C-alpha atoms as a PDB file:
ATOM      1  CA  MET A   1       0.000   0.000   0.000  1.00  0.00           C
ATOM      2  CA  GLY A   2       2.773   2.430   0.916  1.00  0.00           C
ATOM      3  CA  ARG A   3       4.517   1.777  -2.408  1.00  0.00           C
ATOM      4  CA  VAL A   4       1.334   2.531  -4.332  1.00  0.00           C
ATOM      5  CA  VAL A   5       0.891   5.837  -2.474  1.00  0.00           C
ATOM      6  CA  ALA A   6       4.541   6.752  -3.107  1.00  0.00           C
ATOM      7  CA  ALA A   7       4.186   5.953  -6.819  1.00  0.00           C
ATOM      8  CA  VAL A   8       1.067   8.109  -7.085  1.00  0.00           C
ATOM      9  CA  LEU A   9       2.789  11.010  -5.310  1.00  0.00           C
ATOM     10  CA  LEU A  10       5.820  10.771  -7.612  1.00  0.00           C
ATOM     11  CA  ALA A  11       3.596  10.714 -10.687  1.00  0.00           C
ATOM     12  CA  CYS A  12       1.792  13.833  -9.506  1.00  0.00           C
ATOM     13  CA  ALA A  13       5.080  15.612  -8.761  1.00  0.00           C
ATOM     14  CA  ALA A  14       6.439  15.102 -12.284  1.00  0.00           C
ATOM     15  CA  PRO A  15       7.555  18.342 -13.919  1.00  0.00           C
ATOM     16  CA  ALA A  16       5.144  20.001 -16.317  1.00  0.00           C
ATOM     17  CA  ALA A  17       5.663  19.479 -20.014  1.00  0.00           C
ATOM     18  CA  ALA A  18       7.634  22.080 -21.939  1.00  0.00           C
ATOM     19  CA  ALA A  19       5.717  24.552 -24.043  1.00  0.00           C
ATOM     20  CA  THR A  20       4.863  23.518 -27.566  1.00  0.00           C
ATOM     21  CA  TRP A  21       4.028  25.916 -30.362  1.00  0.00           C
ATOM     22  CA  SER A  22       1.491  25.816 -33.153  1.00  0.00           C
ATOM     23  CA  CYS A  23       1.597  28.364 -35.953  1.00  0.00           C
ATOM     24  CA  ASP A  24      -1.303  29.150 -38.231  1.00  0.00           C
ATOM     25  CA  GLU A  25      -2.483  31.993 -40.455  1.00  0.00           C
ATOM     26  CA  ARG A  26       0.805  32.066 -42.357  1.00  0.00           C
ATOM     27  CA  HIS A  27       0.962  34.814 -44.998  1.00  0.00           C
ATOM     28  CA  GLU A  28       3.770  35.090 -47.526  1.00  0.00           C
ATOM     29  CA  VAL A  29       5.004  38.647 -48.114  1.00  0.00           C
ATOM     30  CA  LEU A  30       7.380  39.758 -50.889  1.00  0.00           C
ATOM     31  CA  GLY A  31       7.130  36.487 -52.731  1.00  0.00           C
ATOM     32  CA  LYS A  32       8.206  33.757 -50.366  1.00  0.00           C
ATOM     33  CA  THR A  33      11.009  35.731 -48.696  1.00  0.00           C
ATOM     34  CA  LEU A  34       9.065  37.042 -45.694  1.00  0.00           C
ATOM     35  CA  VAL A  35       6.363  35.104 -43.883  1.00  0.00           C
ATOM     36  CA  LEU A  36       4.030  36.474 -41.227  1.00  0.00           C
ATOM     37  CA  ALA A  37       2.652  33.774 -38.914  1.00  0.00           C
ATOM     38  CA  ARG A  38       0.526  33.718 -35.791  1.00  0.00           C
ATOM     39  CA  CYS A  39       1.994  31.280 -33.251  1.00  0.00           C
ATOM     40  CA  THR A  40       0.421  30.102 -30.002  1.00  0.00           C
ATOM     41  CA  ALA A  41       2.156  28.453 -27.040  1.00  0.00           C
ATOM     42  CA  HIS A  42       0.683  25.554 -25.106  1.00  0.00           C
ATOM     43  CA  GLY A  43       1.976  24.285 -21.754  1.00  0.00           C
ATOM     44  CA  THR A  44       4.636  25.706 -19.463  1.00  0.00           C
ATOM     45  CA  TYR A  45       7.752  27.678 -20.250  1.00  0.00           C
ATOM     46  CA  THR A  46      11.143  25.981 -20.090  1.00  0.00           C
ATOM     47  CA  ALA A  47      14.098  27.985 -18.755  1.00  0.00           C
ATOM     48  CA  GLY A  48      16.359  28.513 -21.746  1.00  0.00           C
ATOM     49  CA  GLY A  49      13.448  28.825 -24.184  1.00  0.00           C
ATOM     50  CA  ASP A  50      11.190  26.457 -26.061  1.00  0.00           C
ATOM     51  CA  PRO A  51      11.720  25.332 -29.667  1.00  0.00           C
ATOM     52  CA  ILE A  52       9.272  26.535 -32.254  1.00  0.00           C
ATOM     53  CA  GLY A  53       8.447  24.154 -35.034  1.00  0.00           C
ATOM     54  CA  ALA A  54      10.423  21.374 -33.379  1.00  0.00           C
ATOM     55  CA  ALA A  55       9.619  18.887 -36.131  1.00  0.00           C
ATOM     56  CA  ASN A  56      10.333  21.347 -38.950  1.00  0.00           C
ATOM     57  CA  PRO A  57      10.591  25.094 -38.266  1.00  0.00           C
ATOM     58  CA  GLY A  58      10.417  25.739 -42.012  1.00  0.00           C
ATOM     59  CA  VAL A  59       6.792  24.640 -42.102  1.00  0.00           C
ATOM     60  CA  ASP A  60       5.687  26.714 -39.103  1.00  0.00           C
ATOM     61  CA  LEU A  61       7.693  29.853 -39.817  1.00  0.00           C
ATOM     62  CA  CYS A  62       8.349  29.761 -43.579  1.00  0.00           C
ATOM     63  CA  ASN A  63       5.197  28.011 -44.822  1.00  0.00           C
ATOM     64  CA  SER A  64       7.311  25.346 -46.544  1.00  0.00           C
ATOM     65  CA  ASP A  65       9.392  22.359 -45.518  1.00  0.00           C
ATOM     66  CA  ASN A  66      11.846  23.371 -48.276  1.00  0.00           C
ATOM     67  CA  ARG A  67      12.779  26.700 -46.669  1.00  0.00           C
ATOM     68  CA  ILE A  68      14.557  27.566 -43.461  1.00  0.00           C
ATOM     69  CA  PRO A  69      14.221  30.598 -41.178  1.00  0.00           C
ATOM     70  CA  VAL A  70      17.343  32.776 -41.213  1.00  0.00           C
ATOM     71  CA  ALA A  71      16.007  35.656 -39.097  1.00  0.00           C
ATOM     72  CA  GLY A  72      12.863  36.340 -37.152  1.00  0.00           C
ATOM     73  CA  MET A  73      11.194  39.163 -35.313  1.00  0.00           C
ATOM     74  CA  ALA A  74       8.543  38.404 -32.722  1.00  0.00           C
ATOM     75  CA  SER A  75       5.855  40.688 -31.382  1.00  0.00           C
ATOM     76  CA  ALA A  76       4.976  40.893 -27.731  1.00  0.00           C
ATOM     77  CA  ALA A  77       2.825  37.977 -26.614  1.00  0.00           C
ATOM     78  CA  GLU A  78      -0.391  38.007 -24.721  1.00  0.00           C
ATOM     79  CA  SER A  79      -2.226  35.077 -23.221  1.00  0.00           C
ATOM     80  CA  GLY A  80      -5.982  35.004 -23.415  1.00  0.00           C
ATOM     81  CA  THR A  81      -5.832  32.092 -20.977  1.00  0.00           C
ATOM     82  CA  THR A  82      -3.598  33.469 -18.208  1.00  0.00           C
ATOM     83  CA  GLY A  83      -4.027  37.193 -18.885  1.00  0.00           C
ATOM     84  CA  GLN A  84      -0.262  37.763 -18.859  1.00  0.00           C
ATOM     85  CA  GLY A  85       1.800  39.739 -21.354  1.00  0.00           C
ATOM     86  CA  TYR A  86       5.424  39.031 -22.301  1.00  0.00           C
ATOM     87  CA  LEU A  87       8.161  40.358 -24.505  1.00  0.00           C
ATOM     88  CA  VAL A  88       9.259  37.558 -26.831  1.00  0.00           C
ATOM     89  CA  THR A  89      12.514  37.074 -28.709  1.00  0.00           C
ATOM     90  CA  TYR A  90      13.439  34.427 -31.271  1.00  0.00           C
ATOM     91  CA  GLY A  91      16.890  32.866 -31.157  1.00  0.00           C
ATOM     92  CA  ARG A  92      17.941  32.378 -34.775  1.00  0.00           C
ATOM     93  CA  THR A  93      20.750  29.970 -33.983  1.00  0.00           C
ATOM     94  CA  THR A  94      18.776  27.997 -31.398  1.00  0.00           C
ATOM     95  CA  GLY A  95      15.332  28.113 -33.015  1.00  0.00           C
ATOM     96  CA  ARG A  96      13.879  28.837 -29.581  1.00  0.00           C
ATOM     97  CA  MET A  97      11.353  31.349 -28.342  1.00  0.00           C
ATOM     98  CA  TYR A  98      12.380  33.240 -25.193  1.00  0.00           C
ATOM     99  CA  PHE A  99       9.872  34.934 -22.889  1.00  0.00           C
ATOM    100  CA  LEU A 100      11.018  38.038 -21.013  1.00  0.00           C
ATOM    101  CA  THR A 101       9.248  39.815 -18.188  1.00  0.00           C
ATOM    102  CA  ALA A 102       9.879  42.412 -15.489  1.00  0.00           C
ATOM    103  CA  GLY A 103      12.242  41.352 -12.714  1.00  0.00           C
ATOM    104  CA  ASP A 104      11.637  41.432  -8.978  1.00  0.00           C
ATOM    105  CA  THR A 105      12.268  45.188  -8.888  1.00  0.00           C
ATOM    106  CA  PRO A 106      10.730  46.560 -12.089  1.00  0.00           C
ATOM    107  CA  GLY A 107      11.326  50.157 -12.975  1.00  0.00           C
ATOM    108  CA  LYS A 108      13.362  52.555 -15.039  1.00  0.00           C
ATOM    109  CA  GLY A 109      16.842  51.247 -15.729  1.00  0.00           C
ATOM    110  CA  ASN A 110      16.104  47.666 -14.671  1.00  0.00           C
ATOM    111  CA  ALA A 111      16.536  45.053 -17.377  1.00  0.00           C
ATOM    112  CA  LEU A 112      13.965  42.460 -18.306  1.00  0.00           C
ATOM    113  CA  VAL A 113      14.622  38.918 -17.116  1.00  0.00           C
ATOM    114  CA  GLU A 114      13.793  35.535 -18.578  1.00  0.00           C
ATOM    115  CA  LEU A 115      10.490  34.085 -17.405  1.00  0.00           C
ATOM    116  CA  ASN A 116      10.863  31.426 -14.710  1.00  0.00           C
ATOM    117  CA  GLY A 117      10.778  27.851 -15.953  1.00  0.00           C
ATOM    118  CA  GLY A 118       7.533  26.078 -15.132  1.00  0.00           C
ATOM    119  CA  THR A 119       5.403  29.207 -15.594  1.00  0.00           C
ATOM    120  CA  SER A 120       2.249  28.614 -17.627  1.00  0.00           C
ATOM    121  CA  VAL A 121       2.325  30.277 -21.042  1.00  0.00           C
ATOM    122  CA  GLU A 122      -0.840  28.529 -22.169  1.00  0.00           C
ATOM    123  CA  GLY A 123      -2.517  30.461 -24.953  1.00  0.00           C
ATOM    124  CA  ALA A 124       0.244  33.082 -25.329  1.00  0.00           C
ATOM    125  CA  THR A 125       0.007  34.293 -28.919  1.00  0.00           C
ATOM    126  CA  VAL A 126       2.764  36.025 -30.867  1.00  0.00           C
ATOM    127  CA  MET A 127       3.072  37.303 -34.434  1.00  0.00           C
ATOM    128  CA  MET A 128       6.313  36.211 -36.128  1.00  0.00           C
ATOM    129  CA  LEU A 129       7.809  37.959 -39.156  1.00  0.00           C
ATOM    130  CA  THR A 130      10.399  35.565 -40.542  1.00  0.00           C
ATOM    131  CA  LEU A 131      13.010  35.968 -43.271  1.00  0.00           C
ATOM    132  CA  CYS A 132      13.257  32.634 -45.080  1.00  0.00           C
ATOM    133  CA  LYS A 133      15.632  31.149 -47.642  1.00  0.00           C
END
């Protein structure tokens, strides 16, 4: 009986899944060079960022599995689910989305800090403008 209770407690204490991203409403601009996409996060944020388009970022960000993102600019994100707003950056070399927020002492002259891992970003939506090749 004690082992069953311990197993249940360990299962409940498992860390939350990393955020996943889904991108829709992709619009090609200037031929197929620039793509504007709306991307939504699901789950919890991972310290160090979460990959976007983990299977193939070309499909999510460039509207084609034959193209790759070479640069990206993200808008601020807002979550209709949690009500939170974040500044978002895209790491070109890592292919990860990074969420930034105010630190413990927000104010003039204080830098933004990365969102704490494990924080829910469910429903956070960002517009991505991506340069593709």
